[in-house]
Amino acid sequence: MKIVLVEWNDASSGEGWESRGHKEHTGEIVSMGILVREDEDEIELIPNINIAHKLHQIAIPKGAIKRIRRLKL
């Protein structure tokens, strides 16, 4: 079982009309969990898991990932 810490950029959007010069910034996110799947496009983390169920899995596109660190218990 691999437990990882992932630093990644999330998309963001404005809340209505804004001036043309306004720049929206991506959100810098840190997620931690069990790495359950990885392919060429994305990784999937699950922060909560038991024998029969998983809770709150997240798929993160590889293009959004800044850094992945494996954590040791």
C-alpha atoms as a PDB file:
ATOM      1  CA  MET A   1       0.000   0.000   0.000  1.00  0.00           C
ATOM      2  CA  LYS A   2       1.449   3.376  -1.048  1.00  0.00           C
ATOM      3  CA  ILE A   3       0.519   6.439   0.987  1.00  0.00           C
ATOM      4  CA  VAL A   4       1.325   9.661  -0.859  1.00  0.00           C
ATOM      5  CA  LEU A   5       1.195  13.424  -0.455  1.00  0.00           C
ATOM      6  CA  VAL A   6       0.256  15.187  -3.698  1.00  0.00           C
ATOM      7  CA  GLU A   7       0.707  18.898  -4.380  1.00  0.00           C
ATOM      8  CA  TRP A   8      -1.450  20.011  -7.317  1.00  0.00           C
ATOM      9  CA  ASN A   9      -3.188  22.978  -8.912  1.00  0.00           C
ATOM     10  CA  ASP A  10      -6.982  23.001  -8.986  1.00  0.00           C
ATOM     11  CA  ALA A  11      -8.991  25.040 -11.472  1.00  0.00           C
ATOM     12  CA  SER A  12     -10.925  28.102 -10.313  1.00  0.00           C
ATOM     13  CA  SER A  13     -13.498  30.464 -11.739  1.00  0.00           C
ATOM     14  CA  GLY A  14     -14.902  33.892 -10.989  1.00  0.00           C
ATOM     15  CA  GLU A  15     -18.312  34.675  -9.569  1.00  0.00           C
ATOM     16  CA  GLY A  16     -19.650  36.966 -12.283  1.00  0.00           C
ATOM     17  CA  TRP A  17     -18.678  39.798 -14.608  1.00  0.00           C
ATOM     18  CA  GLU A  18     -15.108  41.002 -14.188  1.00  0.00           C
ATOM     19  CA  SER A  19     -12.840  43.424 -16.015  1.00  0.00           C
ATOM     20  CA  ARG A  20     -10.857  42.012 -18.930  1.00  0.00           C
ATOM     21  CA  GLY A  21      -7.590  42.582 -17.050  1.00  0.00           C
ATOM     22  CA  HIS A  22      -8.676  40.406 -14.101  1.00  0.00           C
ATOM     23  CA  LYS A  23      -6.709  37.165 -13.782  1.00  0.00           C
ATOM     24  CA  GLU A  24      -8.122  34.161 -11.958  1.00  0.00           C
ATOM     25  CA  HIS A  25      -5.559  32.098 -10.040  1.00  0.00           C
ATOM     26  CA  THR A  26      -5.571  28.343  -9.653  1.00  0.00           C
ATOM     27  CA  GLY A  27      -5.912  26.910  -6.177  1.00  0.00           C
ATOM     28  CA  GLU A  28      -2.865  25.200  -4.739  1.00  0.00           C
ATOM     29  CA  ILE A  29      -4.048  21.965  -3.133  1.00  0.00           C
ATOM     30  CA  VAL A  30      -2.331  19.337  -0.976  1.00  0.00           C
ATOM     31  CA  SER A  31      -4.000  15.916  -0.840  1.00  0.00           C
ATOM     32  CA  MET A  32      -2.904  12.847   1.093  1.00  0.00           C
ATOM     33  CA  GLY A  33      -4.158   9.292   0.761  1.00  0.00           C
ATOM     34  CA  ILE A  34      -3.672   5.764  -0.444  1.00  0.00           C
ATOM     35  CA  LEU A  35      -2.624   5.614  -4.089  1.00  0.00           C
ATOM     36  CA  VAL A  36      -5.013   3.047  -5.563  1.00  0.00           C
ATOM     37  CA  ARG A  37      -4.622   3.701  -9.276  1.00  0.00           C
ATOM     38  CA  GLU A  38      -2.228   5.437 -11.625  1.00  0.00           C
ATOM     39  CA  ASP A  39      -2.204   5.598 -15.412  1.00  0.00           C
ATOM     40  CA  GLU A  40      -0.724   7.946 -18.005  1.00  0.00           C
ATOM     41  CA  ASP A  41      -3.517  10.517 -17.490  1.00  0.00           C
ATOM     42  CA  GLU A  42      -4.318  10.593 -13.771  1.00  0.00           C
ATOM     43  CA  ILE A  43      -3.861   9.186 -10.302  1.00  0.00           C
ATOM     44  CA  GLU A  44      -6.574   8.139  -7.854  1.00  0.00           C
ATOM     45  CA  LEU A  45      -6.275   8.633  -4.102  1.00  0.00           C
ATOM     46  CA  ILE A  46      -8.511   7.368  -1.332  1.00  0.00           C
ATOM     47  CA  PRO A  47      -8.120   8.936   2.121  1.00  0.00           C
ATOM     48  CA  ASN A  48     -10.468   6.467   3.864  1.00  0.00           C
ATOM     49  CA  ILE A  49     -10.727   2.746   3.172  1.00  0.00           C
ATOM     50  CA  ASN A  50     -11.720  -0.493   4.898  1.00  0.00           C
ATOM     51  CA  ILE A  51     -12.055  -4.089   3.728  1.00  0.00           C
ATOM     52  CA  ALA A  52     -15.353  -3.532   1.876  1.00  0.00           C
ATOM     53  CA  HIS A  53     -15.643   0.201   1.167  1.00  0.00           C
ATOM     54  CA  LYS A  54     -13.809   3.313   0.064  1.00  0.00           C
ATOM     55  CA  LEU A  55     -14.789   6.885   0.935  1.00  0.00           C
ATOM     56  CA  HIS A  56     -14.111  10.175  -0.865  1.00  0.00           C
ATOM     57  CA  GLN A  57     -11.824   9.024  -3.651  1.00  0.00           C
ATOM     58  CA  ILE A  58     -10.302  11.723  -5.837  1.00  0.00           C
ATOM     59  CA  ALA A  59      -8.872  11.492  -9.363  1.00  0.00           C
ATOM     60  CA  ILE A  60      -6.209  14.113 -10.095  1.00  0.00           C
ATOM     61  CA  PRO A  61      -5.093  14.807 -13.685  1.00  0.00           C
ATOM     62  CA  LYS A  62      -1.352  14.311 -14.124  1.00  0.00           C
ATOM     63  CA  GLY A  63      -1.057  17.711 -15.821  1.00  0.00           C
ATOM     64  CA  ALA A  64      -2.216  19.422 -12.617  1.00  0.00           C
ATOM     65  CA  ILE A  65       0.297  17.657 -10.341  1.00  0.00           C
ATOM     66  CA  LYS A  66       3.299  19.649  -9.146  1.00  0.00           C
ATOM     67  CA  ARG A  67       4.856  17.013  -6.889  1.00  0.00           C
ATOM     68  CA  ILE A  68       4.145  13.563  -5.434  1.00  0.00           C
ATOM     69  CA  ARG A  69       5.915  12.319  -2.311  1.00  0.00           C
ATOM     70  CA  ARG A  70       5.619   8.806  -0.940  1.00  0.00           C
ATOM     71  CA  LEU A  71       5.132   8.776   2.836  1.00  0.00           C
ATOM     72  CA  LYS A  72       6.549   6.088   5.090  1.00  0.00           C
ATOM     73  CA  LEU A  73       4.674   4.881   8.150  1.00  0.00           C
END
